[in-house]
Amino acid sequence: WLTIGKTFNVQASGSGGASRVTLVK
């Protein structure tokens, strides 16, 4: 669950770092 205006963390595995994160509704 996310709260508008609050920071949150996401962890991911795989090669290289993510250049962009997009929330999809």
PDB file of all heavy atoms in Angstrom:
ATOM      1  N   TRP A   1       0.845  -1.186   0.000  1.00  0.00           N
ATOM      2  CA  TRP A   1       0.000   0.000   0.000  1.00  0.00           C
ATOM      3  C   TRP A   1       0.879   1.233   0.000  1.00  0.00           C
ATOM      4  O   TRP A   1       1.881   1.274   0.707  1.00  0.00           O
ATOM      5  CB  TRP A   1      -0.892  -0.022   1.251  1.00  0.00           C
ATOM      6  CG  TRP A   1      -1.878   1.084   1.300  1.00  0.00           C
ATOM      7  CD1 TRP A   1      -1.750   2.261   1.966  1.00  0.00           C
ATOM      8  CD2 TRP A   1      -3.147   1.128   0.664  1.00  0.00           C
ATOM      9  NE1 TRP A   1      -2.852   3.040   1.783  1.00  0.00           N
ATOM     10  CE2 TRP A   1      -3.739   2.352   0.980  1.00  0.00           C
ATOM     11  CE3 TRP A   1      -3.841   0.247  -0.147  1.00  0.00           C
ATOM     12  CZ2 TRP A   1      -4.994   2.733   0.514  1.00  0.00           C
ATOM     13  CZ3 TRP A   1      -5.094   0.625  -0.611  1.00  0.00           C
ATOM     14  CH2 TRP A   1      -5.662   1.842  -0.275  1.00  0.00           C
ATOM     15  N   LEU A   2       0.517   2.248  -0.776  1.00  0.00           N
ATOM     16  CA  LEU A   2       1.265   3.504  -0.812  1.00  0.00           C
ATOM     17  C   LEU A   2       0.402   4.637  -0.298  1.00  0.00           C
ATOM     18  O   LEU A   2      -0.811   4.652  -0.518  1.00  0.00           O
ATOM     19  CB  LEU A   2       1.701   3.836  -2.246  1.00  0.00           C
ATOM     20  CG  LEU A   2       2.566   2.805  -2.946  1.00  0.00           C
ATOM     21  CD1 LEU A   2       2.874   3.256  -4.365  1.00  0.00           C
ATOM     22  CD2 LEU A   2       3.853   2.565  -2.179  1.00  0.00           C
ATOM     23  N   THR A   3       1.044   5.592   0.365  1.00  0.00           N
ATOM     24  CA  THR A   3       0.363   6.774   0.834  1.00  0.00           C
ATOM     25  C   THR A   3       0.882   7.966   0.031  1.00  0.00           C
ATOM     26  O   THR A   3       2.096   8.161  -0.079  1.00  0.00           O
ATOM     27  CB  THR A   3       0.633   6.993   2.341  1.00  0.00           C
ATOM     28  OG1 THR A   3       0.194   5.829   3.049  1.00  0.00           O
ATOM     29  CG2 THR A   3      -0.101   8.207   2.862  1.00  0.00           C
ATOM     30  N   ILE A   4      -0.024   8.744  -0.516  1.00  0.00           N
ATOM     31  CA  ILE A   4       0.365   9.889  -1.329  1.00  0.00           C
ATOM     32  C   ILE A   4       1.247  10.830  -0.523  1.00  0.00           C
ATOM     33  O   ILE A   4       0.968  11.145   0.629  1.00  0.00           O
ATOM     34  CB  ILE A   4      -0.890  10.635  -1.837  1.00  0.00           C
ATOM     35  CG1 ILE A   4      -1.669   9.725  -2.783  1.00  0.00           C
ATOM     36  CG2 ILE A   4      -0.508  11.940  -2.533  1.00  0.00           C
ATOM     37  CD1 ILE A   4      -2.993  10.288  -3.235  1.00  0.00           C
ATOM     38  N   GLY A   5       2.361  11.237  -1.132  1.00  0.00           N
ATOM     39  CA  GLY A   5       3.282  12.174  -0.505  1.00  0.00           C
ATOM     40  C   GLY A   5       4.323  11.532   0.389  1.00  0.00           C
ATOM     41  O   GLY A   5       5.196  12.232   0.909  1.00  0.00           O
ATOM     42  N   LYS A   6       4.245  10.247   0.598  1.00  0.00           N
ATOM     43  CA  LYS A   6       5.204   9.548   1.456  1.00  0.00           C
ATOM     44  C   LYS A   6       6.226   8.805   0.613  1.00  0.00           C
ATOM     45  O   LYS A   6       5.932   8.309  -0.464  1.00  0.00           O
ATOM     46  CB  LYS A   6       4.492   8.550   2.373  1.00  0.00           C
ATOM     47  CG  LYS A   6       3.485   9.178   3.305  1.00  0.00           C
ATOM     48  CD  LYS A   6       4.170  10.058   4.330  1.00  0.00           C
ATOM     49  CE  LYS A   6       3.142  10.632   5.291  1.00  0.00           C
ATOM     50  NZ  LYS A   6       3.714  11.532   6.250  1.00  0.00           N
ATOM     51  N   THR A   7       7.447   8.708   1.119  1.00  0.00           N
ATOM     52  CA  THR A   7       8.517   7.968   0.454  1.00  0.00           C
ATOM     53  C   THR A   7       8.322   6.471   0.701  1.00  0.00           C
ATOM     54  O   THR A   7       7.844   6.065   1.755  1.00  0.00           O
ATOM     55  CB  THR A   7       9.881   8.412   1.024  1.00  0.00           C
ATOM     56  OG1 THR A   7      10.023   9.812   0.799  1.00  0.00           O
ATOM     57  CG2 THR A   7      11.030   7.683   0.360  1.00  0.00           C
ATOM     58  N   PHE A   8       8.712   5.662  -0.284  1.00  0.00           N
ATOM     59  CA  PHE A   8       8.647   4.221  -0.126  1.00  0.00           C
ATOM     60  C   PHE A   8       9.852   3.590  -0.818  1.00  0.00           C
ATOM     61  O   PHE A   8      10.484   4.202  -1.668  1.00  0.00           O
ATOM     62  CB  PHE A   8       7.335   3.643  -0.683  1.00  0.00           C
ATOM     63  CG  PHE A   8       7.150   3.865  -2.156  1.00  0.00           C
ATOM     64  CD1 PHE A   8       7.544   2.896  -3.066  1.00  0.00           C
ATOM     65  CD2 PHE A   8       6.595   5.046  -2.632  1.00  0.00           C
ATOM     66  CE1 PHE A   8       7.371   3.097  -4.428  1.00  0.00           C
ATOM     67  CE2 PHE A   8       6.421   5.241  -3.994  1.00  0.00           C
ATOM     68  CZ  PHE A   8       6.815   4.267  -4.893  1.00  0.00           C
ATOM     69  N   ASN A   9      10.180   2.373  -0.434  1.00  0.00           N
ATOM     70  CA  ASN A   9      11.316   1.655  -1.003  1.00  0.00           C
ATOM     71  C   ASN A   9      10.847   0.464  -1.829  1.00  0.00           C
ATOM     72  O   ASN A   9       9.862  -0.184  -1.493  1.00  0.00           O
ATOM     73  CB  ASN A   9      12.245   1.140   0.109  1.00  0.00           C
ATOM     74  CG  ASN A   9      12.926   2.289   0.842  1.00  0.00           C
ATOM     75  OD1 ASN A   9      13.432   3.211   0.223  1.00  0.00           O
ATOM     76  ND2 ASN A   9      12.912   2.218   2.163  1.00  0.00           N
ATOM     77  N   VAL A  10      11.595   0.212  -2.900  1.00  0.00           N
ATOM     78  CA  VAL A  10      11.366  -0.948  -3.739  1.00  0.00           C
ATOM     79  C   VAL A  10      12.715  -1.621  -3.933  1.00  0.00           C
ATOM     80  O   VAL A  10      13.707  -0.957  -4.212  1.00  0.00           O
ATOM     81  CB  VAL A  10      10.780  -0.546  -5.114  1.00  0.00           C
ATOM     82  CG1 VAL A  10      10.674  -1.746  -6.041  1.00  0.00           C
ATOM     83  CG2 VAL A  10       9.423   0.117  -4.946  1.00  0.00           C
ATOM     84  N   GLN A  11      12.756  -2.934  -3.771  1.00  0.00           N
ATOM     85  CA  GLN A  11      13.984  -3.684  -4.024  1.00  0.00           C
ATOM     86  C   GLN A  11      13.777  -4.550  -5.255  1.00  0.00           C
ATOM     87  O   GLN A  11      12.696  -5.101  -5.466  1.00  0.00           O
ATOM     88  CB  GLN A  11      14.337  -4.556  -2.817  1.00  0.00           C
ATOM     89  CG  GLN A  11      14.677  -3.749  -1.585  1.00  0.00           C
ATOM     90  CD  GLN A  11      14.942  -4.646  -0.391  1.00  0.00           C
ATOM     91  OE1 GLN A  11      14.871  -5.862  -0.464  1.00  0.00           O
ATOM     92  NE2 GLN A  11      15.235  -4.022   0.739  1.00  0.00           N
ATOM     93  N   ALA A  12      14.831  -4.632  -6.076  1.00  0.00           N
ATOM     94  CA  ALA A  12      14.743  -5.424  -7.304  1.00  0.00           C
ATOM     95  C   ALA A  12      16.035  -6.173  -7.530  1.00  0.00           C
ATOM     96  O   ALA A  12      17.110  -5.753  -7.071  1.00  0.00           O
ATOM     97  CB  ALA A  12      14.447  -4.523  -8.489  1.00  0.00           C
ATOM     98  N   SER A  13      15.934  -7.295  -8.231  1.00  0.00           N
ATOM     99  CA  SER A  13      17.118  -8.051  -8.610  1.00  0.00           C
ATOM    100  C   SER A  13      17.234  -7.998 -10.125  1.00  0.00           C
ATOM    101  O   SER A  13      16.284  -7.695 -10.831  1.00  0.00           O
ATOM    102  CB  SER A  13      16.999  -9.505  -8.148  1.00  0.00           C
ATOM    103  OG  SER A  13      15.930 -10.143  -8.819  1.00  0.00           O
ATOM    104  N   GLY A  14      18.405  -8.310 -10.621  1.00  0.00           N
ATOM    105  CA  GLY A  14      18.639  -8.293 -12.062  1.00  0.00           C
ATOM    106  C   GLY A  14      19.911  -7.542 -12.366  1.00  0.00           C
ATOM    107  O   GLY A  14      20.540  -6.956 -11.498  1.00  0.00           O
ATOM    108  N   SER A  15      20.281  -7.550 -13.634  1.00  0.00           N
ATOM    109  CA  SER A  15      21.525  -6.887 -14.022  1.00  0.00           C
ATOM    110  C   SER A  15      21.289  -5.398 -14.221  1.00  0.00           C
ATOM    111  O   SER A  15      20.289  -4.974 -14.779  1.00  0.00           O
ATOM    112  CB  SER A  15      22.068  -7.503 -15.317  1.00  0.00           C
ATOM    113  OG  SER A  15      21.145  -7.309 -16.358  1.00  0.00           O
ATOM    114  N   GLY A  16      22.228  -4.595 -13.737  1.00  0.00           N
ATOM    115  CA  GLY A  16      22.155  -3.145 -13.911  1.00  0.00           C
ATOM    116  C   GLY A  16      21.117  -2.518 -13.011  1.00  0.00           C
ATOM    117  O   GLY A  16      20.287  -3.185 -12.410  1.00  0.00           O
ATOM    118  N   GLY A  17      21.177  -1.219 -12.918  1.00  0.00           N
ATOM    119  CA  GLY A  17      20.217  -0.482 -12.112  1.00  0.00           C
ATOM    120  C   GLY A  17      19.056  -0.007 -12.971  1.00  0.00           C
ATOM    121  O   GLY A  17      19.157   0.091 -14.187  1.00  0.00           O
ATOM    122  N   ALA A  18      17.964   0.292 -12.324  1.00  0.00           N
ATOM    123  CA  ALA A  18      16.799   0.805 -13.039  1.00  0.00           C
ATOM    124  C   ALA A  18      17.010   2.283 -13.327  1.00  0.00           C
ATOM    125  O   ALA A  18      17.465   3.036 -12.475  1.00  0.00           O
ATOM    126  CB  ALA A  18      15.545   0.598 -12.210  1.00  0.00           C
ATOM    127  N   SER A  19      16.685   2.707 -14.543  1.00  0.00           N
ATOM    128  CA  SER A  19      16.800   4.119 -14.894  1.00  0.00           C
ATOM    129  C   SER A  19      15.493   4.862 -14.670  1.00  0.00           C
ATOM    130  O   SER A  19      15.448   6.086 -14.679  1.00  0.00           O
ATOM    131  CB  SER A  19      17.238   4.271 -16.355  1.00  0.00           C
ATOM    132  OG  SER A  19      16.273   3.700 -17.207  1.00  0.00           O
ATOM    133  N   ARG A  20      14.405   4.108 -14.479  1.00  0.00           N
ATOM    134  CA  ARG A  20      13.099   4.730 -14.301  1.00  0.00           C
ATOM    135  C   ARG A  20      12.179   3.735 -13.600  1.00  0.00           C
ATOM    136  O   ARG A  20      12.226   2.543 -13.859  1.00  0.00           O
ATOM    137  CB  ARG A  20      12.524   5.097 -15.662  1.00  0.00           C
ATOM    138  CG  ARG A  20      11.148   5.712 -15.618  1.00  0.00           C
ATOM    139  CD  ARG A  20      10.606   5.923 -17.036  1.00  0.00           C
ATOM    140  NE  ARG A  20       9.271   6.448 -16.977  1.00  0.00           N
ATOM    141  CZ  ARG A  20       8.940   7.691 -17.287  1.00  0.00           C
ATOM    142  NH1 ARG A  20       9.871   8.518 -17.708  1.00  0.00           N
ATOM    143  NH2 ARG A  20       7.710   8.093 -17.205  1.00  0.00           N
ATOM    144  N   VAL A  21      11.322   4.240 -12.754  1.00  0.00           N
ATOM    145  CA  VAL A  21      10.283   3.440 -12.123  1.00  0.00           C
ATOM    146  C   VAL A  21       8.955   4.088 -12.476  1.00  0.00           C
ATOM    147  O   VAL A  21       8.793   5.299 -12.346  1.00  0.00           O
ATOM    148  CB  VAL A  21      10.459   3.383 -10.590  1.00  0.00           C
ATOM    149  CG1 VAL A  21       9.283   2.677  -9.933  1.00  0.00           C
ATOM    150  CG2 VAL A  21      11.765   2.703 -10.234  1.00  0.00           C
ATOM    151  N   THR A  22       8.019   3.290 -12.947  1.00  0.00           N
ATOM    152  CA  THR A  22       6.706   3.804 -13.329  1.00  0.00           C
ATOM    153  C   THR A  22       5.640   3.020 -12.582  1.00  0.00           C
ATOM    154  O   THR A  22       5.620   1.794 -12.638  1.00  0.00           O
ATOM    155  CB  THR A  22       6.484   3.656 -14.850  1.00  0.00           C
ATOM    156  OG1 THR A  22       7.511   4.345 -15.542  1.00  0.00           O
ATOM    157  CG2 THR A  22       5.137   4.206 -15.261  1.00  0.00           C
ATOM    158  N   LEU A  23       4.768   3.719 -11.891  1.00  0.00           N
ATOM    159  CA  LEU A  23       3.643   3.073 -11.235  1.00  0.00           C
ATOM    160  C   LEU A  23       2.542   2.905 -12.276  1.00  0.00           C
ATOM    161  O   LEU A  23       2.208   3.850 -12.996  1.00  0.00           O
ATOM    162  CB  LEU A  23       3.133   3.915 -10.069  1.00  0.00           C
ATOM    163  CG  LEU A  23       4.139   4.154  -8.950  1.00  0.00           C
ATOM    164  CD1 LEU A  23       3.506   5.041  -7.869  1.00  0.00           C
ATOM    165  CD2 LEU A  23       4.611   2.855  -8.352  1.00  0.00           C
ATOM    166  N   VAL A  24       1.989   1.709 -12.380  1.00  0.00           N
ATOM    167  CA  VAL A  24       0.986   1.414 -13.384  1.00  0.00           C
ATOM    168  C   VAL A  24      -0.341   1.120 -12.699  1.00  0.00           C
ATOM    169  O   VAL A  24      -0.419   0.253 -11.839  1.00  0.00           O
ATOM    170  CB  VAL A  24       1.405   0.191 -14.246  1.00  0.00           C
ATOM    171  CG1 VAL A  24       0.318  -0.148 -15.245  1.00  0.00           C
ATOM    172  CG2 VAL A  24       2.720   0.460 -14.941  1.00  0.00           C
ATOM    173  N   LYS A  25      -1.352   1.855 -13.087  1.00  0.00           N
ATOM    174  CA  LYS A  25      -2.702   1.587 -12.605  1.00  0.00           C
ATOM    175  C   LYS A  25      -3.406   0.765 -13.673  1.00  0.00           C
ATOM    176  O   LYS A  25      -3.238   1.029 -14.868  1.00  0.00           O
ATOM    177  CB  LYS A  25      -3.462   2.896 -12.380  1.00  0.00           C
ATOM    178  CG  LYS A  25      -4.877   2.677 -11.892  1.00  0.00           C
ATOM    179  CD  LYS A  25      -5.662   3.978 -11.948  1.00  0.00           C
ATOM    180  CE  LYS A  25      -7.084   3.793 -11.551  1.00  0.00           C
ATOM    181  NZ  LYS A  25      -7.843   2.855 -12.338  1.00  0.00           N
TER     182      LYS A  25
END
